[in-house]
Amino acid sequence: MMVRRADPAQAAVRARARMVERLRAQGVRDEKVLAAMMQVPRHAFVEEGLAYSAYDDTALPIGYQQTISQPLVVARMIELLRAGRELGKTLEVGAGCGYQAAVLSFVATEVYSVERIRPLLDIARENLRPLRLPNVRLKCVDGSLGLPEAAPYDTIIVAAAAASIPGSLKEQLAPGGRLIIPLGAGEQRLVLIERQGNVFRETRLDAVRFVPLLAGTE
């Protein structure tokens, strides 16, 4: 009797669908965000030996003492930034392996993703290449300084924890824009910043765990 082998591509699609249903059960309600999470093959952004865990709700190592954020955190941050608006031109600080930039590409008009670790940015570029996302641009810079040449941004999302909000990122946020960043050295919380003219309103949100936001490039 011939045994039919499982199709890895179909298995990944099924695992991704289960991940999306779990996100929905965990309270993510933005269908556009859920659809974006369904579009991006998370297993393609981690090492082959970790692919079996790609759709679990956990952060995974990606090398250089960095991690790919757990799916719930990615979905939650983007949902908070979108609430009642479109993302528009978006700056992502901390490209990592490129996964979040890929998700953002389906919900933002333009994505500028910066990473301070050049070899990691090279990995992100390789991971993103097969997806052929025309609205994603990558650059190796000190993310705490933002990317002034493309500012202002309607949305800024920071994937590393800072002790305080970098002034350069606030300056590069467009009026009416939103910025989300993990803050804190010990206990970390997501903080949502909304700019109205020269007034920045802060809202403290979920407890999270991120690698630290470091200066410089390497």
C-alpha atoms as a PDB file:
ATOM      1  CA  MET A   1       0.000   0.000   0.000  1.00  0.00           C
ATOM      2  CA  MET A   2       1.406   3.394  -0.963  1.00  0.00           C
ATOM      3  CA  VAL A   3       1.772   5.840   1.925  1.00  0.00           C
ATOM      4  CA  ARG A   4       1.043   9.440   0.999  1.00  0.00           C
ATOM      5  CA  ARG A   5       3.599  11.828   2.441  1.00  0.00           C
ATOM      6  CA  ALA A   6       2.413  15.012   4.073  1.00  0.00           C
ATOM      7  CA  ASP A   7       2.920  18.150   1.979  1.00  0.00           C
ATOM      8  CA  PRO A   8       5.157  20.489   4.064  1.00  0.00           C
ATOM      9  CA  ALA A   9       3.669  23.582   2.410  1.00  0.00           C
ATOM     10  CA  GLN A  10       0.125  22.517   3.248  1.00  0.00           C
ATOM     11  CA  ALA A  11       1.163  21.587   6.783  1.00  0.00           C
ATOM     12  CA  ALA A  12       2.603  25.102   7.236  1.00  0.00           C
ATOM     13  CA  VAL A  13      -0.633  26.670   5.970  1.00  0.00           C
ATOM     14  CA  ARG A  14      -2.654  24.596   8.436  1.00  0.00           C
ATOM     15  CA  ALA A  15      -0.275  25.534  11.292  1.00  0.00           C
ATOM     16  CA  ARG A  16      -0.578  29.198  10.329  1.00  0.00           C
ATOM     17  CA  ALA A  17      -4.373  28.943  10.307  1.00  0.00           C
ATOM     18  CA  ARG A  18      -4.287  27.438  13.808  1.00  0.00           C
ATOM     19  CA  MET A  19      -2.022  30.308  14.928  1.00  0.00           C
ATOM     20  CA  VAL A  20      -4.500  32.862  13.576  1.00  0.00           C
ATOM     21  CA  GLU A  21      -7.418  31.153  15.333  1.00  0.00           C
ATOM     22  CA  ARG A  22      -5.419  31.192  18.568  1.00  0.00           C
ATOM     23  CA  LEU A  23      -4.728  34.912  18.127  1.00  0.00           C
ATOM     24  CA  ARG A  24      -8.438  35.488  17.634  1.00  0.00           C
ATOM     25  CA  ALA A  25      -9.178  33.516  20.809  1.00  0.00           C
ATOM     26  CA  GLN A  26      -6.546  35.596  22.644  1.00  0.00           C
ATOM     27  CA  GLY A  27      -8.444  38.770  21.830  1.00  0.00           C
ATOM     28  CA  VAL A  28      -7.009  40.042  18.525  1.00  0.00           C
ATOM     29  CA  ARG A  29     -10.015  41.432  16.655  1.00  0.00           C
ATOM     30  CA  ASP A  30      -8.527  43.358  13.722  1.00  0.00           C
ATOM     31  CA  GLU A  31      -9.277  41.127  10.730  1.00  0.00           C
ATOM     32  CA  LYS A  32      -6.769  42.963   8.529  1.00  0.00           C
ATOM     33  CA  VAL A  33      -4.007  42.181  11.041  1.00  0.00           C
ATOM     34  CA  LEU A  34      -5.118  38.542  11.278  1.00  0.00           C
ATOM     35  CA  ALA A  35      -5.141  38.289   7.480  1.00  0.00           C
ATOM     36  CA  ALA A  36      -1.604  39.692   7.341  1.00  0.00           C
ATOM     37  CA  MET A  37      -0.443  37.150   9.930  1.00  0.00           C
ATOM     38  CA  MET A  38      -1.993  34.429   7.746  1.00  0.00           C
ATOM     39  CA  GLN A  39      -0.140  35.703   4.670  1.00  0.00           C
ATOM     40  CA  VAL A  40       3.393  35.548   6.093  1.00  0.00           C
ATOM     41  CA  PRO A  41       5.163  32.161   6.444  1.00  0.00           C
ATOM     42  CA  ARG A  42       6.732  32.594   9.897  1.00  0.00           C
ATOM     43  CA  HIS A  43       8.666  29.327   9.520  1.00  0.00           C
ATOM     44  CA  ALA A  44      10.666  30.940   6.691  1.00  0.00           C
ATOM     45  CA  PHE A  45      12.063  33.508   9.150  1.00  0.00           C
ATOM     46  CA  VAL A  46      13.596  31.097  11.676  1.00  0.00           C
ATOM     47  CA  GLU A  47      16.359  28.518  11.448  1.00  0.00           C
ATOM     48  CA  GLU A  48      15.320  25.222   9.893  1.00  0.00           C
ATOM     49  CA  GLY A  49      15.801  23.409  13.194  1.00  0.00           C
ATOM     50  CA  LEU A  50      13.230  25.698  14.852  1.00  0.00           C
ATOM     51  CA  ALA A  51      10.649  25.595  12.062  1.00  0.00           C
ATOM     52  CA  TYR A  52       8.538  23.078  14.000  1.00  0.00           C
ATOM     53  CA  SER A  53       7.999  25.790  16.663  1.00  0.00           C
ATOM     54  CA  ALA A  54       7.428  28.647  14.228  1.00  0.00           C
ATOM     55  CA  TYR A  55       3.683  28.859  14.829  1.00  0.00           C
ATOM     56  CA  ASP A  56       3.766  28.405  18.591  1.00  0.00           C
ATOM     57  CA  ASP A  57       3.004  31.502  20.634  1.00  0.00           C
ATOM     58  CA  THR A  58       6.581  32.013  21.722  1.00  0.00           C
ATOM     59  CA  ALA A  59       9.613  34.136  20.910  1.00  0.00           C
ATOM     60  CA  LEU A  60      12.434  32.262  19.176  1.00  0.00           C
ATOM     61  CA  PRO A  61      16.174  32.966  18.875  1.00  0.00           C
ATOM     62  CA  ILE A  62      17.373  34.317  15.523  1.00  0.00           C
ATOM     63  CA  GLY A  63      21.065  34.729  16.349  1.00  0.00           C
ATOM     64  CA  TYR A  64      23.150  37.702  17.507  1.00  0.00           C
ATOM     65  CA  GLN A  65      21.341  37.565  20.895  1.00  0.00           C
ATOM     66  CA  GLN A  66      18.108  38.660  19.213  1.00  0.00           C
ATOM     67  CA  THR A  67      14.680  37.048  18.983  1.00  0.00           C
ATOM     68  CA  ILE A  68      11.639  36.947  16.736  1.00  0.00           C
ATOM     69  CA  SER A  69       8.715  38.214  18.834  1.00  0.00           C
ATOM     70  CA  GLN A  70       5.857  35.887  19.726  1.00  0.00           C
ATOM     71  CA  PRO A  71       2.932  36.119  17.288  1.00  0.00           C
ATOM     72  CA  LEU A  72       0.559  37.563  19.888  1.00  0.00           C
ATOM     73  CA  VAL A  73       2.894  40.494  20.605  1.00  0.00           C
ATOM     74  CA  VAL A  74       3.343  41.244  16.885  1.00  0.00           C
ATOM     75  CA  ALA A  75      -0.406  41.151  16.262  1.00  0.00           C
ATOM     76  CA  ARG A  76      -1.236  43.119  19.415  1.00  0.00           C
ATOM     77  CA  MET A  77       1.246  45.939  18.678  1.00  0.00           C
ATOM     78  CA  ILE A  78       0.035  46.358  15.106  1.00  0.00           C
ATOM     79  CA  GLU A  79      -3.610  46.220  16.180  1.00  0.00           C
ATOM     80  CA  LEU A  80      -3.016  48.971  18.765  1.00  0.00           C
ATOM     81  CA  LEU A  81      -1.334  51.146  16.143  1.00  0.00           C
ATOM     82  CA  ARG A  82      -4.135  50.608  13.633  1.00  0.00           C
ATOM     83  CA  ALA A  83      -7.160  51.098  15.927  1.00  0.00           C
ATOM     84  CA  GLY A  84      -9.499  53.384  13.988  1.00  0.00           C
ATOM     85  CA  ARG A  85      -6.895  54.433  11.388  1.00  0.00           C
ATOM     86  CA  GLU A  86      -4.532  53.254   8.657  1.00  0.00           C
ATOM     87  CA  LEU A  87      -0.812  52.834   9.364  1.00  0.00           C
ATOM     88  CA  GLY A  88       0.364  54.874   6.366  1.00  0.00           C
ATOM     89  CA  LYS A  89       4.124  55.363   6.149  1.00  0.00           C
ATOM     90  CA  THR A  90       5.649  53.176   8.870  1.00  0.00           C
ATOM     91  CA  LEU A  91       9.074  53.006  10.496  1.00  0.00           C
ATOM     92  CA  GLU A  92      10.040  49.737  12.158  1.00  0.00           C
ATOM     93  CA  VAL A  93      12.979  49.963  14.577  1.00  0.00           C
ATOM     94  CA  GLY A  94      14.581  46.535  14.927  1.00  0.00           C
ATOM     95  CA  ALA A  95      14.133  44.584  11.691  1.00  0.00           C
ATOM     96  CA  GLY A  96      15.527  41.405  13.230  1.00  0.00           C
ATOM     97  CA  CYS A  97      14.887  38.513  10.842  1.00  0.00           C
ATOM     98  CA  GLY A  98      12.380  40.542   8.790  1.00  0.00           C
ATOM     99  CA  TYR A  99       9.173  38.830   9.960  1.00  0.00           C
ATOM    100  CA  GLN A 100       7.385  41.845  11.422  1.00  0.00           C
ATOM    101  CA  ALA A 101       8.323  43.966   8.401  1.00  0.00           C
ATOM    102  CA  ALA A 102       6.653  41.339   6.211  1.00  0.00           C
ATOM    103  CA  VAL A 103       3.472  41.443   8.307  1.00  0.00           C
ATOM    104  CA  LEU A 104       3.512  45.247   8.266  1.00  0.00           C
ATOM    105  CA  SER A 105       3.810  45.258   4.478  1.00  0.00           C
ATOM    106  CA  PHE A 106       0.234  43.959   4.232  1.00  0.00           C
ATOM    107  CA  VAL A 107      -1.246  46.689   6.444  1.00  0.00           C
ATOM    108  CA  ALA A 108       0.941  49.755   5.771  1.00  0.00           C
ATOM    109  CA  THR A 109       1.481  51.742   2.584  1.00  0.00           C
ATOM    110  CA  GLU A 110       5.273  51.949   3.058  1.00  0.00           C
ATOM    111  CA  VAL A 111       7.557  50.172   5.540  1.00  0.00           C
ATOM    112  CA  TYR A 112      11.019  51.464   6.411  1.00  0.00           C
ATOM    113  CA  SER A 113      12.698  48.828   8.569  1.00  0.00           C
ATOM    114  CA  VAL A 114      16.033  49.561  10.261  1.00  0.00           C
ATOM    115  CA  GLU A 115      18.440  47.236  12.052  1.00  0.00           C
ATOM    116  CA  ARG A 116      21.733  48.029  13.827  1.00  0.00           C
ATOM    117  CA  ILE A 117      23.308  44.557  13.315  1.00  0.00           C
ATOM    118  CA  ARG A 118      24.400  44.341   9.693  1.00  0.00           C
ATOM    119  CA  PRO A 119      24.673  40.511   9.431  1.00  0.00           C
ATOM    120  CA  LEU A 120      21.167  40.224  10.857  1.00  0.00           C
ATOM    121  CA  LEU A 121      19.877  42.736   8.323  1.00  0.00           C
ATOM    122  CA  ASP A 122      21.460  40.606   5.582  1.00  0.00           C
ATOM    123  CA  ILE A 123      19.481  37.621   6.917  1.00  0.00           C
ATOM    124  CA  ALA A 124      16.277  39.692   6.934  1.00  0.00           C
ATOM    125  CA  ARG A 125      16.912  40.714   3.334  1.00  0.00           C
ATOM    126  CA  GLU A 126      17.365  37.072   2.291  1.00  0.00           C
ATOM    127  CA  ASN A 127      14.240  36.026   4.194  1.00  0.00           C
ATOM    128  CA  LEU A 128      12.154  38.753   2.574  1.00  0.00           C
ATOM    129  CA  ARG A 129      13.431  38.346  -0.981  1.00  0.00           C
ATOM    130  CA  PRO A 130      11.174  35.385  -1.950  1.00  0.00           C
ATOM    131  CA  LEU A 131       8.078  37.331  -0.837  1.00  0.00           C
ATOM    132  CA  ARG A 132       8.812  40.183  -3.284  1.00  0.00           C
ATOM    133  CA  LEU A 133       7.293  42.903  -1.145  1.00  0.00           C
ATOM    134  CA  PRO A 134       7.629  46.175  -3.103  1.00  0.00           C
ATOM    135  CA  ASN A 135       6.767  48.473  -0.188  1.00  0.00           C
ATOM    136  CA  VAL A 136       9.497  47.321   2.257  1.00  0.00           C
ATOM    137  CA  ARG A 137      12.877  49.080   2.494  1.00  0.00           C
ATOM    138  CA  LEU A 138      15.695  47.934   4.784  1.00  0.00           C
ATOM    139  CA  LYS A 139      18.622  49.917   6.122  1.00  0.00           C
ATOM    140  CA  CYS A 140      21.435  49.338   8.618  1.00  0.00           C
ATOM    141  CA  VAL A 141      21.402  52.269  11.048  1.00  0.00           C
ATOM    142  CA  ASP A 142      21.216  53.003  14.758  1.00  0.00           C
ATOM    143  CA  GLY A 143      17.475  52.603  15.266  1.00  0.00           C
ATOM    144  CA  SER A 144      17.389  54.850  18.330  1.00  0.00           C
ATOM    145  CA  LEU A 145      18.079  57.723  15.915  1.00  0.00           C
ATOM    146  CA  GLY A 146      15.247  56.702  13.614  1.00  0.00           C
ATOM    147  CA  LEU A 147      15.572  57.338   9.882  1.00  0.00           C
ATOM    148  CA  PRO A 148      15.294  61.099   9.392  1.00  0.00           C
ATOM    149  CA  GLU A 149      15.720  61.052   5.614  1.00  0.00           C
ATOM    150  CA  ALA A 150      12.304  59.413   5.137  1.00  0.00           C
ATOM    151  CA  ALA A 151      10.504  61.203   8.019  1.00  0.00           C
ATOM    152  CA  PRO A 152       7.865  62.066   9.032  1.00  0.00           C
ATOM    153  CA  TYR A 153       6.150  58.737   9.734  1.00  0.00           C
ATOM    154  CA  ASP A 154       2.485  58.127  10.382  1.00  0.00           C
ATOM    155  CA  THR A 155       3.447  55.092  12.477  1.00  0.00           C
ATOM    156  CA  ILE A 156       6.579  53.995  14.358  1.00  0.00           C
ATOM    157  CA  ILE A 157       6.902  50.534  15.887  1.00  0.00           C
ATOM    158  CA  VAL A 158       9.900  49.719  18.076  1.00  0.00           C
ATOM    159  CA  ALA A 159      10.863  46.073  18.599  1.00  0.00           C
ATOM    160  CA  ALA A 160      13.344  46.616  21.451  1.00  0.00           C
ATOM    161  CA  ALA A 161      12.969  47.979  24.976  1.00  0.00           C
ATOM    162  CA  ALA A 162      14.212  51.456  25.891  1.00  0.00           C
ATOM    163  CA  ALA A 163      14.604  53.162  29.270  1.00  0.00           C
ATOM    164  CA  SER A 164      12.882  56.234  27.836  1.00  0.00           C
ATOM    165  CA  ILE A 165      11.367  57.276  24.522  1.00  0.00           C
ATOM    166  CA  PRO A 166      14.113  58.456  22.129  1.00  0.00           C
ATOM    167  CA  GLY A 167      13.532  62.110  21.296  1.00  0.00           C
ATOM    168  CA  SER A 168      14.504  61.533  17.665  1.00  0.00           C
ATOM    169  CA  LEU A 169      11.638  59.075  17.219  1.00  0.00           C
ATOM    170  CA  LYS A 170       9.114  61.517  18.691  1.00  0.00           C
ATOM    171  CA  GLU A 171      10.417  64.240  16.368  1.00  0.00           C
ATOM    172  CA  GLN A 172      10.004  61.956  13.334  1.00  0.00           C
ATOM    173  CA  LEU A 173       6.389  61.104  14.181  1.00  0.00           C
ATOM    174  CA  ALA A 174       3.922  62.989  12.005  1.00  0.00           C
ATOM    175  CA  PRO A 175       1.113  65.021  13.617  1.00  0.00           C
ATOM    176  CA  GLY A 176      -1.731  62.600  14.266  1.00  0.00           C
ATOM    177  CA  GLY A 177       0.749  59.720  14.211  1.00  0.00           C
ATOM    178  CA  ARG A 178       1.230  56.862  16.653  1.00  0.00           C
ATOM    179  CA  LEU A 179       4.352  55.280  18.100  1.00  0.00           C
ATOM    180  CA  ILE A 180       4.496  52.072  20.142  1.00  0.00           C
ATOM    181  CA  ILE A 181       7.557  51.072  22.174  1.00  0.00           C
ATOM    182  CA  PRO A 182       8.405  48.719  25.051  1.00  0.00           C
ATOM    183  CA  LEU A 183       9.652  50.789  27.998  1.00  0.00           C
ATOM    184  CA  GLY A 184      11.491  49.711  31.140  1.00  0.00           C
ATOM    185  CA  ALA A 185      14.764  48.105  32.200  1.00  0.00           C
ATOM    186  CA  GLY A 186      13.313  45.492  34.547  1.00  0.00           C
ATOM    187  CA  GLU A 187       9.575  45.254  34.133  1.00  0.00           C
ATOM    188  CA  GLN A 188       8.665  46.323  30.616  1.00  0.00           C
ATOM    189  CA  ARG A 189       5.369  47.637  29.317  1.00  0.00           C
ATOM    190  CA  LEU A 190       4.167  48.639  25.889  1.00  0.00           C
ATOM    191  CA  VAL A 191       3.618  52.376  25.708  1.00  0.00           C
ATOM    192  CA  LEU A 192       1.502  53.927  22.958  1.00  0.00           C
ATOM    193  CA  ILE A 193       2.344  57.528  22.071  1.00  0.00           C
ATOM    194  CA  GLU A 194      -0.132  59.609  20.065  1.00  0.00           C
ATOM    195  CA  ARG A 195       0.975  62.943  18.655  1.00  0.00           C
ATOM    196  CA  GLN A 196      -1.452  65.852  18.447  1.00  0.00           C
ATOM    197  CA  GLY A 197       0.483  68.884  17.208  1.00  0.00           C
ATOM    198  CA  ASN A 198       3.366  69.205  19.668  1.00  0.00           C
ATOM    199  CA  VAL A 199       1.555  67.290  22.412  1.00  0.00           C
ATOM    200  CA  PHE A 200       2.443  63.630  22.956  1.00  0.00           C
ATOM    201  CA  ARG A 201      -0.150  61.571  24.836  1.00  0.00           C
ATOM    202  CA  GLU A 202       1.157  58.356  26.436  1.00  0.00           C
ATOM    203  CA  THR A 203      -0.856  55.252  27.306  1.00  0.00           C
ATOM    204  CA  ARG A 204       0.744  52.391  29.246  1.00  0.00           C
ATOM    205  CA  LEU A 205      -0.431  48.962  28.111  1.00  0.00           C
ATOM    206  CA  ASP A 206       0.556  45.271  28.268  1.00  0.00           C
ATOM    207  CA  ALA A 207       3.527  43.824  30.140  1.00  0.00           C
ATOM    208  CA  VAL A 208       6.074  42.474  27.624  1.00  0.00           C
ATOM    209  CA  ARG A 209       9.635  41.175  27.342  1.00  0.00           C
ATOM    210  CA  PHE A 210      11.982  42.522  24.653  1.00  0.00           C
ATOM    211  CA  VAL A 211      15.720  42.678  24.073  1.00  0.00           C
ATOM    212  CA  PRO A 212      17.210  46.112  24.917  1.00  0.00           C
ATOM    213  CA  LEU A 213      17.368  48.982  22.423  1.00  0.00           C
ATOM    214  CA  LEU A 214      21.082  49.625  21.924  1.00  0.00           C
ATOM    215  CA  ALA A 215      22.885  52.498  20.236  1.00  0.00           C
ATOM    216  CA  GLY A 216      25.391  52.252  17.415  1.00  0.00           C
ATOM    217  CA  THR A 217      25.782  49.698  14.621  1.00  0.00           C
ATOM    218  CA  GLU A 218      27.819  46.519  14.322  1.00  0.00           C
END
